[in-house]
PDB file of all heavy atoms in Angstrom:
ATOM      1  N   ASN A   1     157.891  79.202 120.843  1.00  0.00           N
ATOM      2  CA  ASN A   1     157.771  80.573 120.335  1.00  0.00           C
ATOM      3  C   ASN A   1     156.521  81.295 120.833  1.00  0.00           C
ATOM      4  O   ASN A   1     156.140  82.360 120.309  1.00  0.00           O
ATOM      5  CB  ASN A   1     157.788  80.543 118.804  1.00  0.00           C
ATOM      6  CG  ASN A   1     159.156  80.214 118.289  1.00  0.00           C
ATOM      7  OD1 ASN A   1     160.014  81.098 118.238  1.00  0.00           O
ATOM      8  ND2 ASN A   1     159.394  78.938 117.980  1.00  0.00           N
ATOM      9  N   GLY A   2     155.842  80.707 121.846  1.00  0.00           N
ATOM     10  CA  GLY A   2     154.683  81.340 122.397  1.00  0.00           C
ATOM     11  C   GLY A   2     153.467  81.423 121.494  1.00  0.00           C
ATOM     12  O   GLY A   2     152.678  82.361 121.587  1.00  0.00           O
ATOM     13  N   ILE A   3     153.348  80.471 120.613  1.00  0.00           N
ATOM     14  CA  ILE A   3     152.245  80.479 119.644  1.00  0.00           C
ATOM     15  C   ILE A   3     151.181  79.439 120.047  1.00  0.00           C
ATOM     16  O   ILE A   3     151.511  78.299 120.310  1.00  0.00           O
ATOM     17  CB  ILE A   3     152.763  80.160 118.234  1.00  0.00           C
ATOM     18  CG1 ILE A   3     153.686  81.289 117.770  1.00  0.00           C
ATOM     19  CG2 ILE A   3     151.627  79.913 117.255  1.00  0.00           C
ATOM     20  CD1 ILE A   3     154.429  80.997 116.511  1.00  0.00           C
ATOM     21  N   ASP A   4     149.959  79.904 120.111  1.00  0.00           N
ATOM     22  CA  ASP A   4     148.818  79.042 120.382  1.00  0.00           C
ATOM     23  C   ASP A   4     148.430  78.406 119.042  1.00  0.00           C
ATOM     24  O   ASP A   4     147.695  79.006 118.256  1.00  0.00           O
ATOM     25  CB  ASP A   4     147.670  79.834 120.963  1.00  0.00           C
ATOM     26  CG  ASP A   4     146.396  79.012 121.242  1.00  0.00           C
ATOM     27  OD1 ASP A   4     146.305  77.870 120.776  1.00  0.00           O
ATOM     28  OD2 ASP A   4     145.485  79.581 121.892  1.00  0.00           O
ATOM     29  N   LEU A   5     148.929  77.211 118.758  1.00  0.00           N
ATOM     30  CA  LEU A   5     148.702  76.599 117.433  1.00  0.00           C
ATOM     31  C   LEU A   5     147.248  76.250 117.208  1.00  0.00           C
ATOM     32  O   LEU A   5     146.766  76.367 116.083  1.00  0.00           O
ATOM     33  CB  LEU A   5     149.584  75.339 117.332  1.00  0.00           C
ATOM     34  CG  LEU A   5     149.837  74.884 115.881  1.00  0.00           C
ATOM     35  CD1 LEU A   5     150.457  75.970 115.030  1.00  0.00           C
ATOM     36  CD2 LEU A   5     150.704  73.624 115.893  1.00  0.00           C
ATOM     37  N   ASP A   6     146.489  75.954 118.270  1.00  0.00           N
ATOM     38  CA  ASP A   6     145.058  75.715 118.112  1.00  0.00           C
ATOM     39  C   ASP A   6     144.404  76.959 117.484  1.00  0.00           C
ATOM     40  O   ASP A   6     143.632  76.849 116.493  1.00  0.00           O
ATOM     41  CB  ASP A   6     144.462  75.401 119.479  1.00  0.00           C
ATOM     42  CG  ASP A   6     143.031  74.896 119.410  1.00  0.00           C
ATOM     43  OD1 ASP A   6     142.109  75.735 119.405  1.00  0.00           O
ATOM     44  OD2 ASP A   6     142.853  73.683 119.311  1.00  0.00           O
ATOM     45  N   HIS A   7     144.701  78.128 118.015  1.00  0.00           N
ATOM     46  CA  HIS A   7     144.146  79.366 117.533  1.00  0.00           C
ATOM     47  C   HIS A   7     144.614  79.615 116.086  1.00  0.00           C
ATOM     48  O   HIS A   7     143.791  80.013 115.227  1.00  0.00           O
ATOM     49  CB  HIS A   7     144.567  80.543 118.449  1.00  0.00           C
ATOM     50  CG  HIS A   7     144.233  81.880 117.909  1.00  0.00           C
ATOM     51  ND1 HIS A   7     142.932  82.396 117.897  1.00  0.00           N
ATOM     52  CD2 HIS A   7     145.029  82.815 117.314  1.00  0.00           C
ATOM     53  CE1 HIS A   7     142.958  83.589 117.327  1.00  0.00           C
ATOM     54  NE2 HIS A   7     144.227  83.838 116.979  1.00  0.00           N
ATOM     55  N   GLU A   8     145.893  79.465 115.852  1.00  0.00           N
ATOM     56  CA  GLU A   8     146.415  79.717 114.508  1.00  0.00           C
ATOM     57  C   GLU A   8     145.867  78.787 113.441  1.00  0.00           C
ATOM     58  O   GLU A   8     145.587  79.249 112.315  1.00  0.00           O
ATOM     59  CB  GLU A   8     147.935  79.668 114.514  1.00  0.00           C
ATOM     60  CG  GLU A   8     148.619  80.752 115.367  1.00  0.00           C
ATOM     61  CD  GLU A   8     148.320  82.149 114.875  1.00  0.00           C
ATOM     62  OE1 GLU A   8     148.114  82.385 113.652  1.00  0.00           O
ATOM     63  OE2 GLU A   8     148.301  83.076 115.746  1.00  0.00           O
ATOM     64  N   VAL A   9     145.712  77.519 113.752  1.00  0.00           N
ATOM     65  CA  VAL A   9     145.119  76.576 112.773  1.00  0.00           C
ATOM     66  C   VAL A   9     143.675  76.957 112.467  1.00  0.00           C
ATOM     67  O   VAL A   9     143.250  76.983 111.337  1.00  0.00           O
ATOM     68  CB  VAL A   9     145.270  75.136 113.284  1.00  0.00           C
ATOM     69  CG1 VAL A   9     144.429  74.172 112.439  1.00  0.00           C
ATOM     70  CG2 VAL A   9     146.727  74.683 113.281  1.00  0.00           C
ATOM     71  N   THR A  10     142.913  77.259 113.512  1.00  0.00           N
ATOM     72  CA  THR A  10     141.503  77.680 113.325  1.00  0.00           C
ATOM     73  C   THR A  10     141.434  78.905 112.417  1.00  0.00           C
ATOM     74  O   THR A  10     140.673  78.956 111.457  1.00  0.00           O
ATOM     75  CB  THR A  10     140.832  77.969 114.678  1.00  0.00           C
ATOM     76  OG1 THR A  10     140.846  76.784 115.479  1.00  0.00           O
ATOM     77  CG2 THR A  10     139.413  78.451 114.486  1.00  0.00           C
ATOM     78  N   ARG A  11     142.252  79.909 112.701  1.00  0.00           N
ATOM     79  CA  ARG A  11     142.277  81.137 111.963  1.00  0.00           C
ATOM     80  C   ARG A  11     142.697  80.873 110.494  1.00  0.00           C
ATOM     81  O   ARG A  11     142.083  81.416 109.528  1.00  0.00           O
ATOM     82  CB  ARG A  11     143.281  82.110 112.606  1.00  0.00           C
ATOM     83  CG  ARG A  11     143.140  83.527 112.148  1.00  0.00           C
ATOM     84  CD  ARG A  11     144.041  84.402 113.033  1.00  0.00           C
ATOM     85  NE  ARG A  11     145.425  84.129 112.718  1.00  0.00           N
ATOM     86  CZ  ARG A  11     146.268  85.059 112.286  1.00  0.00           C
ATOM     87  NH1 ARG A  11     145.917  86.271 112.155  1.00  0.00           N
ATOM     88  NH2 ARG A  11     147.532  84.702 112.018  1.00  0.00           N
ATOM     89  N   LYS A  12     143.669  80.007 110.277  1.00  0.00           N
ATOM     90  CA  LYS A  12     144.162  79.693 108.909  1.00  0.00           C
ATOM     91  C   LYS A  12     143.114  78.959 108.103  1.00  0.00           C
ATOM     92  O   LYS A  12     142.920  79.231 106.925  1.00  0.00           O
ATOM     93  CB  LYS A  12     145.471  78.927 108.980  1.00  0.00           C
ATOM     94  CG  LYS A  12     146.070  78.626 107.639  1.00  0.00           C
ATOM     95  CD  LYS A  12     146.490  79.888 106.909  1.00  0.00           C
ATOM     96  CE  LYS A  12     147.181  79.514 105.626  1.00  0.00           C
ATOM     97  NZ  LYS A  12     147.534  80.665 104.814  1.00  0.00           N
ATOM     98  N   ILE A  13     142.428  78.027 108.748  1.00  0.00           N
ATOM     99  CA  ILE A  13     141.364  77.287 108.002  1.00  0.00           C
ATOM    100  C   ILE A  13     140.283  78.243 107.599  1.00  0.00           C
ATOM    101  O   ILE A  13     139.792  78.193 106.468  1.00  0.00           O
ATOM    102  CB  ILE A  13     140.809  76.115 108.900  1.00  0.00           C
ATOM    103  CG1 ILE A  13     141.853  75.004 108.967  1.00  0.00           C
ATOM    104  CG2 ILE A  13     139.510  75.596 108.313  1.00  0.00           C
ATOM    105  CD1 ILE A  13     141.523  73.902 109.981  1.00  0.00           C
ATOM    106  N   GLU A  14     139.864  79.116 108.480  1.00  0.00           N
ATOM    107  CA  GLU A  14     138.839  80.103 108.148  1.00  0.00           C
ATOM    108  C   GLU A  14     139.312  80.996 107.003  1.00  0.00           C
ATOM    109  O   GLU A  14     138.487  81.298 106.101  1.00  0.00           O
ATOM    110  CB  GLU A  14     138.491  80.958 109.364  1.00  0.00           C
ATOM    111  CG  GLU A  14     137.751  80.200 110.436  1.00  0.00           C
ATOM    112  CD  GLU A  14     137.648  80.896 111.787  1.00  0.00           C
ATOM    113  OE1 GLU A  14     138.250  81.988 111.936  1.00  0.00           O
ATOM    114  OE2 GLU A  14     136.971  80.355 112.670  1.00  0.00           O
ATOM    115  N   LYS A  15     140.551  81.394 106.982  1.00  0.00           N
ATOM    116  CA  LYS A  15     141.099  82.221 105.886  1.00  0.00           C
ATOM    117  C   LYS A  15     141.090  81.434 104.585  1.00  0.00           C
ATOM    118  O   LYS A  15     140.714  81.948 103.522  1.00  0.00           O
ATOM    119  CB  LYS A  15     142.527  82.637 106.245  1.00  0.00           C
ATOM    120  CG  LYS A  15     143.172  83.538 105.240  1.00  0.00           C
ATOM    121  CD  LYS A  15     144.550  83.988 105.721  1.00  0.00           C
ATOM    122  CE  LYS A  15     145.205  84.912 104.801  1.00  0.00           C
ATOM    123  NZ  LYS A  15     146.516  85.374 105.303  1.00  0.00           N
ATOM    124  N   ASN A  16     141.535  80.159 104.643  1.00  0.00           N
ATOM    125  CA  ASN A  16     141.537  79.326 103.438  1.00  0.00           C
ATOM    126  C   ASN A  16     140.183  79.126 102.814  1.00  0.00           C
ATOM    127  O   ASN A  16     140.005  79.083 101.592  1.00  0.00           O
ATOM    128  CB  ASN A  16     142.201  77.984 103.716  1.00  0.00           C
ATOM    129  CG  ASN A  16     143.733  78.096 103.886  1.00  0.00           C
ATOM    130  OD1 ASN A  16     144.326  79.133 103.598  1.00  0.00           O
ATOM    131  ND2 ASN A  16     144.305  77.078 104.433  1.00  0.00           N
ATOM    132  N   VAL A  17     139.186  78.993 103.689  1.00  0.00           N
ATOM    133  CA  VAL A  17     137.791  78.766 103.222  1.00  0.00           C
ATOM    134  C   VAL A  17     137.329  80.000 102.387  1.00  0.00           C
ATOM    135  O   VAL A  17     136.635  79.863 101.393  1.00  0.00           O
ATOM    136  CB  VAL A  17     136.854  78.473 104.417  1.00  0.00           C
ATOM    137  CG1 VAL A  17     135.406  78.596 104.012  1.00  0.00           C
ATOM    138  CG2 VAL A  17     137.139  77.116 104.975  1.00  0.00           C
ATOM    139  N   ARG A  18     137.741  81.196 102.808  1.00  0.00           N
ATOM    140  CA  ARG A  18     137.304  82.437 102.125  1.00  0.00           C
ATOM    141  C   ARG A  18     138.074  82.677 100.783  1.00  0.00           C
ATOM    142  O   ARG A  18     137.581  83.396  99.963  1.00  0.00           O
ATOM    143  CB  ARG A  18     137.530  83.646 103.033  1.00  0.00           C
ATOM    144  CG  ARG A  18     136.582  83.684 104.243  1.00  0.00           C
ATOM    145  CD  ARG A  18     136.675  85.004 104.986  1.00  0.00           C
ATOM    146  NE  ARG A  18     138.051  85.370 105.383  1.00  0.00           N
ATOM    147  CZ  ARG A  18     138.656  85.019 106.490  1.00  0.00           C
ATOM    148  NH1 ARG A  18     137.995  84.248 107.369  1.00  0.00           N
ATOM    149  NH2 ARG A  18     139.886  85.388 106.754  1.00  0.00           N
ATOM    150  N   ARG A  19     139.191  82.086 100.628  1.00  0.00           N
ATOM    151  CA  ARG A  19     139.969  82.276  99.407  1.00  0.00           C
ATOM    152  C   ARG A  19     139.307  81.656  98.197  1.00  0.00           C
ATOM    153  O   ARG A  19     138.617  80.632  98.306  1.00  0.00           O
ATOM    154  CB  ARG A  19     141.383  81.654  99.560  1.00  0.00           C
ATOM    155  CG  ARG A  19     142.288  82.452 100.476  1.00  0.00           C
ATOM    156  CD  ARG A  19     143.585  81.801 100.628  1.00  0.00           C
ATOM    157  NE  ARG A  19     144.546  82.676 101.250  1.00  0.00           N
ATOM    158  CZ  ARG A  19     145.730  82.321 101.681  1.00  0.00           C
ATOM    159  NH1 ARG A  19     146.178  81.116 101.498  1.00  0.00           N
ATOM    160  NH2 ARG A  19     146.497  83.198 102.268  1.00  0.00           N
ATOM    161  N   GLU A  20     139.468  82.315  97.047  1.00  0.00           N
ATOM    162  CA  GLU A  20     138.894  81.836  95.806  1.00  0.00           C
ATOM    163  C   GLU A  20     140.006  81.535  94.829  1.00  0.00           C
ATOM    164  O   GLU A  20     140.999  82.233  94.769  1.00  0.00           O
ATOM    165  CB  GLU A  20     137.938  82.829  95.234  1.00  0.00           C
ATOM    166  CG  GLU A  20     136.723  83.082  96.125  1.00  0.00           C
ATOM    167  CD  GLU A  20     135.806  84.163  95.558  1.00  0.00           C
ATOM    168  OE1 GLU A  20     135.930  84.501  94.347  1.00  0.00           O
ATOM    169  OE2 GLU A  20     134.975  84.653  96.307  1.00  0.00           O
ATOM    170  N   TYR A  21     139.829  80.435  94.045  1.00  0.00           N
ATOM    171  CA  TYR A  21     140.834  79.982  93.121  1.00  0.00           C
ATOM    172  C   TYR A  21     140.202  79.735  91.725  1.00  0.00           C
ATOM    173  O   TYR A  21     139.054  79.425  91.640  1.00  0.00           O
ATOM    174  CB  TYR A  21     141.460  78.671  93.572  1.00  0.00           C
ATOM    175  CG  TYR A  21     142.227  78.802  94.849  1.00  0.00           C
ATOM    176  CD1 TYR A  21     141.615  78.756  96.082  1.00  0.00           C
ATOM    177  CD2 TYR A  21     143.629  78.924  94.825  1.00  0.00           C
ATOM    178  CE1 TYR A  21     142.319  78.884  97.278  1.00  0.00           C
ATOM    179  CE2 TYR A  21     144.368  79.025  96.008  1.00  0.00           C
ATOM    180  CZ  TYR A  21     143.682  79.007  97.239  1.00  0.00           C
ATOM    181  OH  TYR A  21     144.412  79.138  98.389  1.00  0.00           O
ATOM    182  N   GLU A  22     141.024  79.945  90.745  1.00  0.00           N
ATOM    183  CA  GLU A  22     140.637  79.565  89.374  1.00  0.00           C
ATOM    184  C   GLU A  22     141.806  78.792  88.807  1.00  0.00           C
ATOM    185  O   GLU A  22     142.990  79.049  89.143  1.00  0.00           O
ATOM    186  CB  GLU A  22     140.375  80.821  88.490  1.00  0.00           C
ATOM    187  CG  GLU A  22     139.147  81.570  88.918  1.00  0.00           C
ATOM    188  CD  GLU A  22     138.899  82.819  88.070  1.00  0.00           C
ATOM    189  OE1 GLU A  22     139.676  83.060  87.103  1.00  0.00           O
ATOM    190  OE2 GLU A  22     137.936  83.537  88.372  1.00  0.00           O
ATOM    191  N   ARG A  23     141.507  77.875  87.912  1.00  0.00           N
ATOM    192  CA  ARG A  23     142.554  77.059  87.294  1.00  0.00           C
ATOM    193  C   ARG A  23     143.140  77.856  86.142  1.00  0.00           C
ATOM    194  O   ARG A  23     142.403  78.421  85.335  1.00  0.00           O
ATOM    195  CB  ARG A  23     142.005  75.728  86.851  1.00  0.00           C
ATOM    196  CG  ARG A  23     141.590  74.874  88.033  1.00  0.00           C
ATOM    197  CD  ARG A  23     141.448  73.389  87.630  1.00  0.00           C
ATOM    198  NE  ARG A  23     141.057  72.632  88.781  1.00  0.00           N
ATOM    199  CZ  ARG A  23     141.913  72.014  89.641  1.00  0.00           C
ATOM    200  NH1 ARG A  23     143.220  72.178  89.463  1.00  0.00           N
ATOM    201  NH2 ARG A  23     141.490  71.342  90.653  1.00  0.00           N
ATOM    202  N   ASN A  24     144.485  77.862  86.051  1.00  0.00           N
ATOM    203  CA  ASN A  24     145.122  78.525  84.905  1.00  0.00           C
ATOM    204  C   ASN A  24     145.129  77.583  83.690  1.00  0.00           C
ATOM    205  O   ASN A  24     144.514  76.516  83.712  1.00  0.00           O
ATOM    206  CB  ASN A  24     146.547  78.993  85.254  1.00  0.00           C
ATOM    207  CG  ASN A  24     147.537  77.850  85.520  1.00  0.00           C
ATOM    208  OD1 ASN A  24     147.275  76.669  85.197  1.00  0.00           O
ATOM    209  ND2 ASN A  24     148.682  78.161  86.084  1.00  0.00           N
TER     210      ASN A  24
END
């Protein structure tokens, strides 16, 4: 599908690090 998975994984990890969670 023409996806650079290295780039996408790096981008996703950076996004996940910025996310904030609280327990319900």
